Amino acid sequence: MIALRRSEERGHANHGWLESYHTFSFAGYDDPRYRGFSSLRVMNEDRVAPGQGFGTHPHRDMEIVSYVLEGALEHKDSMGNGEVLRPGEFQRISAGTGISHSEFNPDDSATTHFYQIWLFPDRKGLPPSYEQKSFDVGGRDNRLQLVASPDGADGSLKIHQDARIYLANLQDSQQLDLPLDAKRAAWLQVLRGSVALNEHDLFAGDGAAIREESQIRLVGKGPVEVMLFDLA
């Protein structure tokens, strides 16, 4: 079973300095049909204006994964971390018992375009922790590249949840057949470009909830980048 979540149907907020699209209910956007999917709680596509950002704010008991598509994102937190994420880099924060952090676009001319994803942890009260990694772009050409997992396999970020996050890049007409565990769930998010998912055409910002499927087929319709979540 595949249920589509179209880009234009997402929640939308434009604060001037921030334009944000919410796949699931978030902040002032609440839709009882979309309050998460399996362990996925938040999937926000954000664009932050030059020199602007999120002031220091708290989190607890959440796994937070950020992925920068364009621009830069400067991060500072109460654990003493201070890093700048560049395009293609991932960040993982396990908020656990509580952290505070800020996120800021340090560029004075370019917009920062990034995804921020929250997953419920497998247990509450974890010690807060932080990771940041880049991955070889060639490692996801016409195949899945593991970027986050419960055990940090293949050099991936370690998240505290029975979930795995993959990236894949396809060129026009490239086909990728992916076996799935029909007893688990999956979510496909199109980051850039367009792709055919079985008989469905998906475009940038579109998502798809996948259940009870043992295999899916992806076919690039021009260059495309997708993120796939394997969820308990």
C-alpha atoms as a PDB file:
ATOM      1  CA  MET A   1       0.000   0.000   0.000  1.00  0.00           C
ATOM      2  CA  ILE A   2       1.392   3.388  -1.020  1.00  0.00           C
ATOM      3  CA  ALA A   3      -0.156   6.668   0.171  1.00  0.00           C
ATOM      4  CA  LEU A   4       1.136   9.898  -1.367  1.00  0.00           C
ATOM      5  CA  ARG A   5       1.826  13.111   0.527  1.00  0.00           C
ATOM      6  CA  ARG A   6       2.045  15.817  -2.114  1.00  0.00           C
ATOM      7  CA  SER A   7       4.350  18.782  -1.637  1.00  0.00           C
ATOM      8  CA  GLU A   8       1.638  21.370  -2.164  1.00  0.00           C
ATOM      9  CA  GLU A   9      -0.575  19.713   0.464  1.00  0.00           C
ATOM     10  CA  ARG A  10       1.992  20.114   3.247  1.00  0.00           C
ATOM     11  CA  GLY A  11       1.681  22.687   5.974  1.00  0.00           C
ATOM     12  CA  HIS A  12       3.344  25.970   5.044  1.00  0.00           C
ATOM     13  CA  ALA A  13       4.670  28.872   7.083  1.00  0.00           C
ATOM     14  CA  ASN A  14       6.426  31.970   5.756  1.00  0.00           C
ATOM     15  CA  HIS A  15       7.975  34.130   8.466  1.00  0.00           C
ATOM     16  CA  GLY A  16       9.962  36.309   6.097  1.00  0.00           C
ATOM     17  CA  TRP A  17      13.351  35.078   7.301  1.00  0.00           C
ATOM     18  CA  LEU A  18      12.120  31.461   7.229  1.00  0.00           C
ATOM     19  CA  GLU A  19       9.975  29.554   4.744  1.00  0.00           C
ATOM     20  CA  SER A  20       9.053  26.114   6.014  1.00  0.00           C
ATOM     21  CA  TYR A  21       7.020  23.200   4.656  1.00  0.00           C
ATOM     22  CA  HIS A  22       5.727  20.639   7.167  1.00  0.00           C
ATOM     23  CA  THR A  23       5.058  17.076   6.020  1.00  0.00           C
ATOM     24  CA  PHE A  24       3.645  16.346   9.489  1.00  0.00           C
ATOM     25  CA  SER A  25       1.908  18.541  12.056  1.00  0.00           C
ATOM     26  CA  PHE A  26       4.350  21.059  13.517  1.00  0.00           C
ATOM     27  CA  ALA A  27       4.151  24.310  15.502  1.00  0.00           C
ATOM     28  CA  GLY A  28       1.027  26.189  14.346  1.00  0.00           C
ATOM     29  CA  TYR A  29       0.144  23.602  11.691  1.00  0.00           C
ATOM     30  CA  ASP A  30      -1.951  20.716  12.967  1.00  0.00           C
ATOM     31  CA  ASP A  31      -3.587  18.107  10.768  1.00  0.00           C
ATOM     32  CA  PRO A  32      -4.907  15.040  12.624  1.00  0.00           C
ATOM     33  CA  ARG A  33      -4.271  12.935   9.502  1.00  0.00           C
ATOM     34  CA  TYR A  34      -0.567  13.770   9.524  1.00  0.00           C
ATOM     35  CA  ARG A  35       0.913  13.681  12.996  1.00  0.00           C
ATOM     36  CA  GLY A  36       3.783  11.398  12.108  1.00  0.00           C
ATOM     37  CA  PHE A  37       4.393   8.043  10.521  1.00  0.00           C
ATOM     38  CA  SER A  38       5.758   5.120  12.524  1.00  0.00           C
ATOM     39  CA  SER A  39       8.720   6.600  14.474  1.00  0.00           C
ATOM     40  CA  LEU A  40       8.880   9.655  12.176  1.00  0.00           C
ATOM     41  CA  ARG A  41       7.488  12.689  13.962  1.00  0.00           C
ATOM     42  CA  VAL A  42       8.671  15.742  11.982  1.00  0.00           C
ATOM     43  CA  MET A  43       9.886  16.312   8.435  1.00  0.00           C
ATOM     44  CA  ASN A  44      10.404  19.973   7.690  1.00  0.00           C
ATOM     45  CA  GLU A  45      11.848  21.443   4.518  1.00  0.00           C
ATOM     46  CA  ASP A  46      13.268  24.822   5.507  1.00  0.00           C
ATOM     47  CA  ARG A  47      14.785  27.793   3.693  1.00  0.00           C
ATOM     48  CA  VAL A  48      16.543  30.308   5.931  1.00  0.00           C
ATOM     49  CA  ALA A  49      17.337  33.788   4.660  1.00  0.00           C
ATOM     50  CA  PRO A  50      20.941  35.084   4.671  1.00  0.00           C
ATOM     51  CA  GLY A  51      22.146  36.108   8.105  1.00  0.00           C
ATOM     52  CA  GLN A  52      19.038  34.729   9.846  1.00  0.00           C
ATOM     53  CA  GLY A  53      18.323  31.687  11.960  1.00  0.00           C
ATOM     54  CA  PHE A  54      16.694  29.952  14.917  1.00  0.00           C
ATOM     55  CA  GLY A  55      17.653  31.392  18.302  1.00  0.00           C
ATOM     56  CA  THR A  56      18.627  29.153  21.198  1.00  0.00           C
ATOM     57  CA  HIS A  57      15.775  26.774  22.024  1.00  0.00           C
ATOM     58  CA  PRO A  58      15.421  23.488  23.940  1.00  0.00           C
ATOM     59  CA  HIS A  59      14.709  19.887  22.918  1.00  0.00           C
ATOM     60  CA  ARG A  60      14.407  16.638  24.835  1.00  0.00           C
ATOM     61  CA  ASP A  61      13.739  12.963  24.084  1.00  0.00           C
ATOM     62  CA  MET A  62      13.975  13.259  20.306  1.00  0.00           C
ATOM     63  CA  GLU A  63      16.394  12.117  17.590  1.00  0.00           C
ATOM     64  CA  ILE A  64      16.985  15.094  15.269  1.00  0.00           C
ATOM     65  CA  VAL A  65      18.611  14.608  11.864  1.00  0.00           C
ATOM     66  CA  SER A  66      19.446  17.567   9.603  1.00  0.00           C
ATOM     67  CA  TYR A  67      20.623  17.430   5.990  1.00  0.00           C
ATOM     68  CA  VAL A  68      21.780  20.519   4.081  1.00  0.00           C
ATOM     69  CA  LEU A  69      20.909  20.733   0.387  1.00  0.00           C
ATOM     70  CA  GLU A  70      22.177  24.254  -0.319  1.00  0.00           C
ATOM     71  CA  GLY A  71      23.988  26.937   1.641  1.00  0.00           C
ATOM     72  CA  ALA A  72      25.343  26.495   5.168  1.00  0.00           C
ATOM     73  CA  LEU A  73      23.899  25.947   8.638  1.00  0.00           C
ATOM     74  CA  GLU A  74      25.837  26.995  11.731  1.00  0.00           C
ATOM     75  CA  HIS A  75      25.054  24.984  14.851  1.00  0.00           C
ATOM     76  CA  LYS A  76      25.838  25.743  18.498  1.00  0.00           C
ATOM     77  CA  ASP A  77      24.572  23.774  21.482  1.00  0.00           C
ATOM     78  CA  SER A  78      24.707  23.426  25.244  1.00  0.00           C
ATOM     79  CA  MET A  79      27.046  20.432  24.915  1.00  0.00           C
ATOM     80  CA  GLY A  80      29.754  22.763  23.605  1.00  0.00           C
ATOM     81  CA  ASN A  81      29.483  21.790  19.949  1.00  0.00           C
ATOM     82  CA  GLY A  82      29.916  24.512  17.358  1.00  0.00           C
ATOM     83  CA  GLU A  83      29.916  23.331  13.743  1.00  0.00           C
ATOM     84  CA  VAL A  84      28.888  24.500  10.276  1.00  0.00           C
ATOM     85  CA  LEU A  85      27.007  22.034   8.063  1.00  0.00           C
ATOM     86  CA  ARG A  86      27.702  22.291   4.343  1.00  0.00           C
ATOM     87  CA  PRO A  87      25.759  20.820   1.402  1.00  0.00           C
ATOM     88  CA  GLY A  88      25.675  17.036   1.601  1.00  0.00           C
ATOM     89  CA  GLU A  89      26.470  16.922   5.331  1.00  0.00           C
ATOM     90  CA  PHE A  90      24.330  15.286   7.990  1.00  0.00           C
ATOM     91  CA  GLN A  91      23.929  16.115  11.640  1.00  0.00           C
ATOM     92  CA  ARG A  92      22.397  13.953  14.360  1.00  0.00           C
ATOM     93  CA  ILE A  93      21.371  15.258  17.761  1.00  0.00           C
ATOM     94  CA  SER A  94      20.074  12.911  20.442  1.00  0.00           C
ATOM     95  CA  ALA A  95      18.331  15.394  22.704  1.00  0.00           C
ATOM     96  CA  GLY A  96      17.774  12.842  25.466  1.00  0.00           C
ATOM     97  CA  THR A  97      17.476  14.424  28.922  1.00  0.00           C
ATOM     98  CA  GLY A  98      17.647  17.874  27.350  1.00  0.00           C
ATOM     99  CA  ILE A  99      19.759  20.174  25.187  1.00  0.00           C
ATOM    100  CA  SER A 100      19.560  23.723  23.913  1.00  0.00           C
ATOM    101  CA  HIS A 101      20.843  24.737  20.500  1.00  0.00           C
ATOM    102  CA  SER A 102      20.723  27.426  17.839  1.00  0.00           C
ATOM    103  CA  GLU A 103      20.827  27.163  14.037  1.00  0.00           C
ATOM    104  CA  PHE A 104      21.928  30.065  11.888  1.00  0.00           C
ATOM    105  CA  ASN A 105      22.639  30.840   8.255  1.00  0.00           C
ATOM    106  CA  PRO A 106      26.137  32.384   8.413  1.00  0.00           C
ATOM    107  CA  ASP A 107      26.131  33.521   4.768  1.00  0.00           C
ATOM    108  CA  ASP A 108      25.274  37.145   4.025  1.00  0.00           C
ATOM    109  CA  SER A 109      23.980  36.455   0.507  1.00  0.00           C
ATOM    110  CA  ALA A 110      22.854  32.829   0.013  1.00  0.00           C
ATOM    111  CA  THR A 111      19.744  31.091   1.348  1.00  0.00           C
ATOM    112  CA  THR A 112      20.169  27.892   3.364  1.00  0.00           C
ATOM    113  CA  HIS A 113      17.958  25.028   2.163  1.00  0.00           C
ATOM    114  CA  PHE A 114      17.824  22.008   4.459  1.00  0.00           C
ATOM    115  CA  TYR A 115      15.655  19.218   5.797  1.00  0.00           C
ATOM    116  CA  GLN A 116      15.187  18.647   9.491  1.00  0.00           C
ATOM    117  CA  ILE A 117      13.770  15.303  10.578  1.00  0.00           C
ATOM    118  CA  TRP A 118      12.701  14.221  14.058  1.00  0.00           C
ATOM    119  CA  LEU A 119      12.267  10.611  15.133  1.00  0.00           C
ATOM    120  CA  PHE A 120      11.035   9.331  18.461  1.00  0.00           C
ATOM    121  CA  PRO A 121      13.876   7.597  20.342  1.00  0.00           C
ATOM    122  CA  ASP A 122      13.523   3.984  21.405  1.00  0.00           C
ATOM    123  CA  ARG A 123      13.657   5.092  25.052  1.00  0.00           C
ATOM    124  CA  LYS A 124      13.525   8.297  27.058  1.00  0.00           C
ATOM    125  CA  GLY A 125      16.226   9.755  29.261  1.00  0.00           C
ATOM    126  CA  LEU A 126      19.237   9.110  27.033  1.00  0.00           C
ATOM    127  CA  PRO A 127      22.398  11.144  27.578  1.00  0.00           C
ATOM    128  CA  PRO A 128      22.468  13.964  24.995  1.00  0.00           C
ATOM    129  CA  SER A 129      24.930  13.449  22.128  1.00  0.00           C
ATOM    130  CA  TYR A 130      25.920  14.871  18.748  1.00  0.00           C
ATOM    131  CA  GLU A 131      27.365  13.679  15.436  1.00  0.00           C
ATOM    132  CA  GLN A 132      28.122  15.322  12.106  1.00  0.00           C
ATOM    133  CA  LYS A 133      29.270  13.467   8.972  1.00  0.00           C
ATOM    134  CA  SER A 134      29.634  13.812   5.234  1.00  0.00           C
ATOM    135  CA  PHE A 135      29.221  10.884   2.854  1.00  0.00           C
ATOM    136  CA  ASP A 136      30.762  10.169  -0.533  1.00  0.00           C
ATOM    137  CA  VAL A 137      28.263  11.302  -3.161  1.00  0.00           C
ATOM    138  CA  GLY A 138      29.389   8.508  -5.478  1.00  0.00           C
ATOM    139  CA  GLY A 139      28.270   5.981  -2.880  1.00  0.00           C
ATOM    140  CA  ARG A 140      24.612   6.656  -3.682  1.00  0.00           C
ATOM    141  CA  ASP A 141      24.653   6.668  -7.472  1.00  0.00           C
ATOM    142  CA  ASN A 142      21.852   4.306  -8.537  1.00  0.00           C
ATOM    143  CA  ARG A 143      21.939   2.582  -5.151  1.00  0.00           C
ATOM    144  CA  LEU A 144      21.054   3.119  -1.522  1.00  0.00           C
ATOM    145  CA  GLN A 145      23.634   4.703   0.732  1.00  0.00           C
ATOM    146  CA  LEU A 146      23.087   4.182   4.456  1.00  0.00           C
ATOM    147  CA  VAL A 147      23.442   7.470   6.345  1.00  0.00           C
ATOM    148  CA  ALA A 148      21.832   6.660   9.719  1.00  0.00           C
ATOM    149  CA  SER A 149      21.144   3.426  11.589  1.00  0.00           C
ATOM    150  CA  PRO A 150      20.745   2.021  15.134  1.00  0.00           C
ATOM    151  CA  ASP A 151      24.249   0.504  15.095  1.00  0.00           C
ATOM    152  CA  GLY A 152      26.186   3.047  13.039  1.00  0.00           C
ATOM    153  CA  ALA A 153      26.741   0.443  10.304  1.00  0.00           C
ATOM    154  CA  ASP A 154      28.952   1.378   7.332  1.00  0.00           C
ATOM    155  CA  GLY A 155      30.053   4.566   9.042  1.00  0.00           C
ATOM    156  CA  SER A 156      26.507   5.923   9.287  1.00  0.00           C
ATOM    157  CA  LEU A 157      25.204   8.212  11.997  1.00  0.00           C
ATOM    158  CA  LYS A 158      23.965   6.308  15.032  1.00  0.00           C
ATOM    159  CA  ILE A 159      20.328   6.950  15.927  1.00  0.00           C
ATOM    160  CA  HIS A 160      18.529   5.524  18.950  1.00  0.00           C
ATOM    161  CA  GLN A 161      15.607   3.975  17.084  1.00  0.00           C
ATOM    162  CA  ASP A 162      14.926   0.881  14.970  1.00  0.00           C
ATOM    163  CA  ALA A 163      15.123   2.932  11.785  1.00  0.00           C
ATOM    164  CA  ARG A 164      17.520   3.296   8.876  1.00  0.00           C
ATOM    165  CA  ILE A 165      17.871   6.302   6.617  1.00  0.00           C
ATOM    166  CA  TYR A 166      19.222   6.024   3.076  1.00  0.00           C
ATOM    167  CA  LEU A 167      19.988   8.383   0.213  1.00  0.00           C
ATOM    168  CA  ALA A 168      19.938   7.492  -3.487  1.00  0.00           C
ATOM    169  CA  ASN A 169      20.679   9.460  -6.660  1.00  0.00           C
ATOM    170  CA  LEU A 170      19.220   8.390 -10.000  1.00  0.00           C
ATOM    171  CA  GLN A 171      19.731   9.790 -13.472  1.00  0.00           C
ATOM    172  CA  ASP A 172      17.073   9.911 -16.168  1.00  0.00           C
ATOM    173  CA  SER A 173      15.579   6.448 -16.826  1.00  0.00           C
ATOM    174  CA  GLN A 174      17.821   4.734 -14.250  1.00  0.00           C
ATOM    175  CA  GLN A 175      15.890   2.023 -12.432  1.00  0.00           C
ATOM    176  CA  LEU A 176      16.388   0.838  -8.887  1.00  0.00           C
ATOM    177  CA  ASP A 177      14.483  -2.176  -7.548  1.00  0.00           C
ATOM    178  CA  LEU A 178      14.426  -2.242  -3.752  1.00  0.00           C
ATOM    179  CA  PRO A 179      13.313  -5.211  -1.649  1.00  0.00           C
ATOM    180  CA  LEU A 180      11.386  -4.278   1.483  1.00  0.00           C
ATOM    181  CA  ASP A 181      10.302  -6.142   4.580  1.00  0.00           C
ATOM    182  CA  ALA A 182       6.516  -6.148   4.199  1.00  0.00           C
ATOM    183  CA  LYS A 183       6.177  -6.318   8.003  1.00  0.00           C
ATOM    184  CA  ARG A 184       7.908  -2.953   8.358  1.00  0.00           C
ATOM    185  CA  ALA A 185       7.036   0.500   7.071  1.00  0.00           C
ATOM    186  CA  ALA A 186       8.943   2.816   4.743  1.00  0.00           C
ATOM    187  CA  TRP A 187       8.781   6.472   3.835  1.00  0.00           C
ATOM    188  CA  LEU A 188      10.159   7.932   0.595  1.00  0.00           C
ATOM    189  CA  GLN A 189      10.906  11.661   0.407  1.00  0.00           C
ATOM    190  CA  VAL A 190      11.897  13.321  -2.870  1.00  0.00           C
ATOM    191  CA  LEU A 191      14.565  15.920  -2.120  1.00  0.00           C
ATOM    192  CA  ARG A 192      15.312  17.092  -5.672  1.00  0.00           C
ATOM    193  CA  GLY A 193      14.062  16.213  -9.137  1.00  0.00           C
ATOM    194  CA  SER A 194      11.327  13.715  -9.952  1.00  0.00           C
ATOM    195  CA  VAL A 195      10.979   9.949  -9.812  1.00  0.00           C
ATOM    196  CA  ALA A 196       8.468   7.214 -10.571  1.00  0.00           C
ATOM    197  CA  LEU A 197       7.630   5.086  -7.527  1.00  0.00           C
ATOM    198  CA  ASN A 198       5.941   2.029  -8.997  1.00  0.00           C
ATOM    199  CA  GLU A 199       3.057   3.617 -10.942  1.00  0.00           C
ATOM    200  CA  HIS A 200       3.221   6.992  -9.117  1.00  0.00           C
ATOM    201  CA  ASP A 201       5.098  10.067 -10.340  1.00  0.00           C
ATOM    202  CA  LEU A 202       6.657  12.031  -7.486  1.00  0.00           C
ATOM    203  CA  PHE A 203       8.266  15.460  -7.562  1.00  0.00           C
ATOM    204  CA  ALA A 204      10.509  17.509  -5.262  1.00  0.00           C
ATOM    205  CA  GLY A 205       8.886  17.820  -1.834  1.00  0.00           C
ATOM    206  CA  ASP A 206       6.544  14.857  -2.370  1.00  0.00           C
ATOM    207  CA  GLY A 207       6.549  11.972   0.068  1.00  0.00           C
ATOM    208  CA  ALA A 208       5.066   8.485   0.138  1.00  0.00           C
ATOM    209  CA  ALA A 209       4.037   6.268   3.042  1.00  0.00           C
ATOM    210  CA  ILE A 210       4.707   2.621   2.196  1.00  0.00           C
ATOM    211  CA  ARG A 211       3.266  -0.355   4.056  1.00  0.00           C
ATOM    212  CA  GLU A 212       2.853  -4.067   3.315  1.00  0.00           C
ATOM    213  CA  GLU A 213       5.055  -3.905   0.220  1.00  0.00           C
ATOM    214  CA  SER A 214       7.800  -6.459  -0.417  1.00  0.00           C
ATOM    215  CA  GLN A 215       9.418  -4.461  -3.223  1.00  0.00           C
ATOM    216  CA  ILE A 216       9.311  -1.035  -4.807  1.00  0.00           C
ATOM    217  CA  ARG A 217      10.724   0.232  -8.084  1.00  0.00           C
ATOM    218  CA  LEU A 218      12.209   3.700  -8.533  1.00  0.00           C
ATOM    219  CA  VAL A 219      12.822   5.140 -12.004  1.00  0.00           C
ATOM    220  CA  GLY A 220      14.531   8.507 -12.417  1.00  0.00           C
ATOM    221  CA  LYS A 221      12.700  11.093 -14.484  1.00  0.00           C
ATOM    222  CA  GLY A 222      15.738  13.278 -14.934  1.00  0.00           C
ATOM    223  CA  PRO A 223      18.316  13.614 -12.133  1.00  0.00           C
ATOM    224  CA  VAL A 224      16.713  12.952  -8.755  1.00  0.00           C
ATOM    225  CA  GLU A 225      17.775  12.638  -5.115  1.00  0.00           C
ATOM    226  CA  VAL A 226      15.591  10.702  -2.703  1.00  0.00           C
ATOM    227  CA  MET A 227      15.693   9.809   0.975  1.00  0.00           C
ATOM    228  CA  LEU A 228      14.273   6.472   2.082  1.00  0.00           C
ATOM    229  CA  PHE A 229      13.351   5.570   5.668  1.00  0.00           C
ATOM    230  CA  ASP A 230      13.114   1.925   6.763  1.00  0.00           C
ATOM    231  CA  LEU A 231      10.934   1.972   9.887  1.00  0.00           C
ATOM    232  CA  ALA A 232       9.769  -0.606  12.425  1.00  0.00           C
END
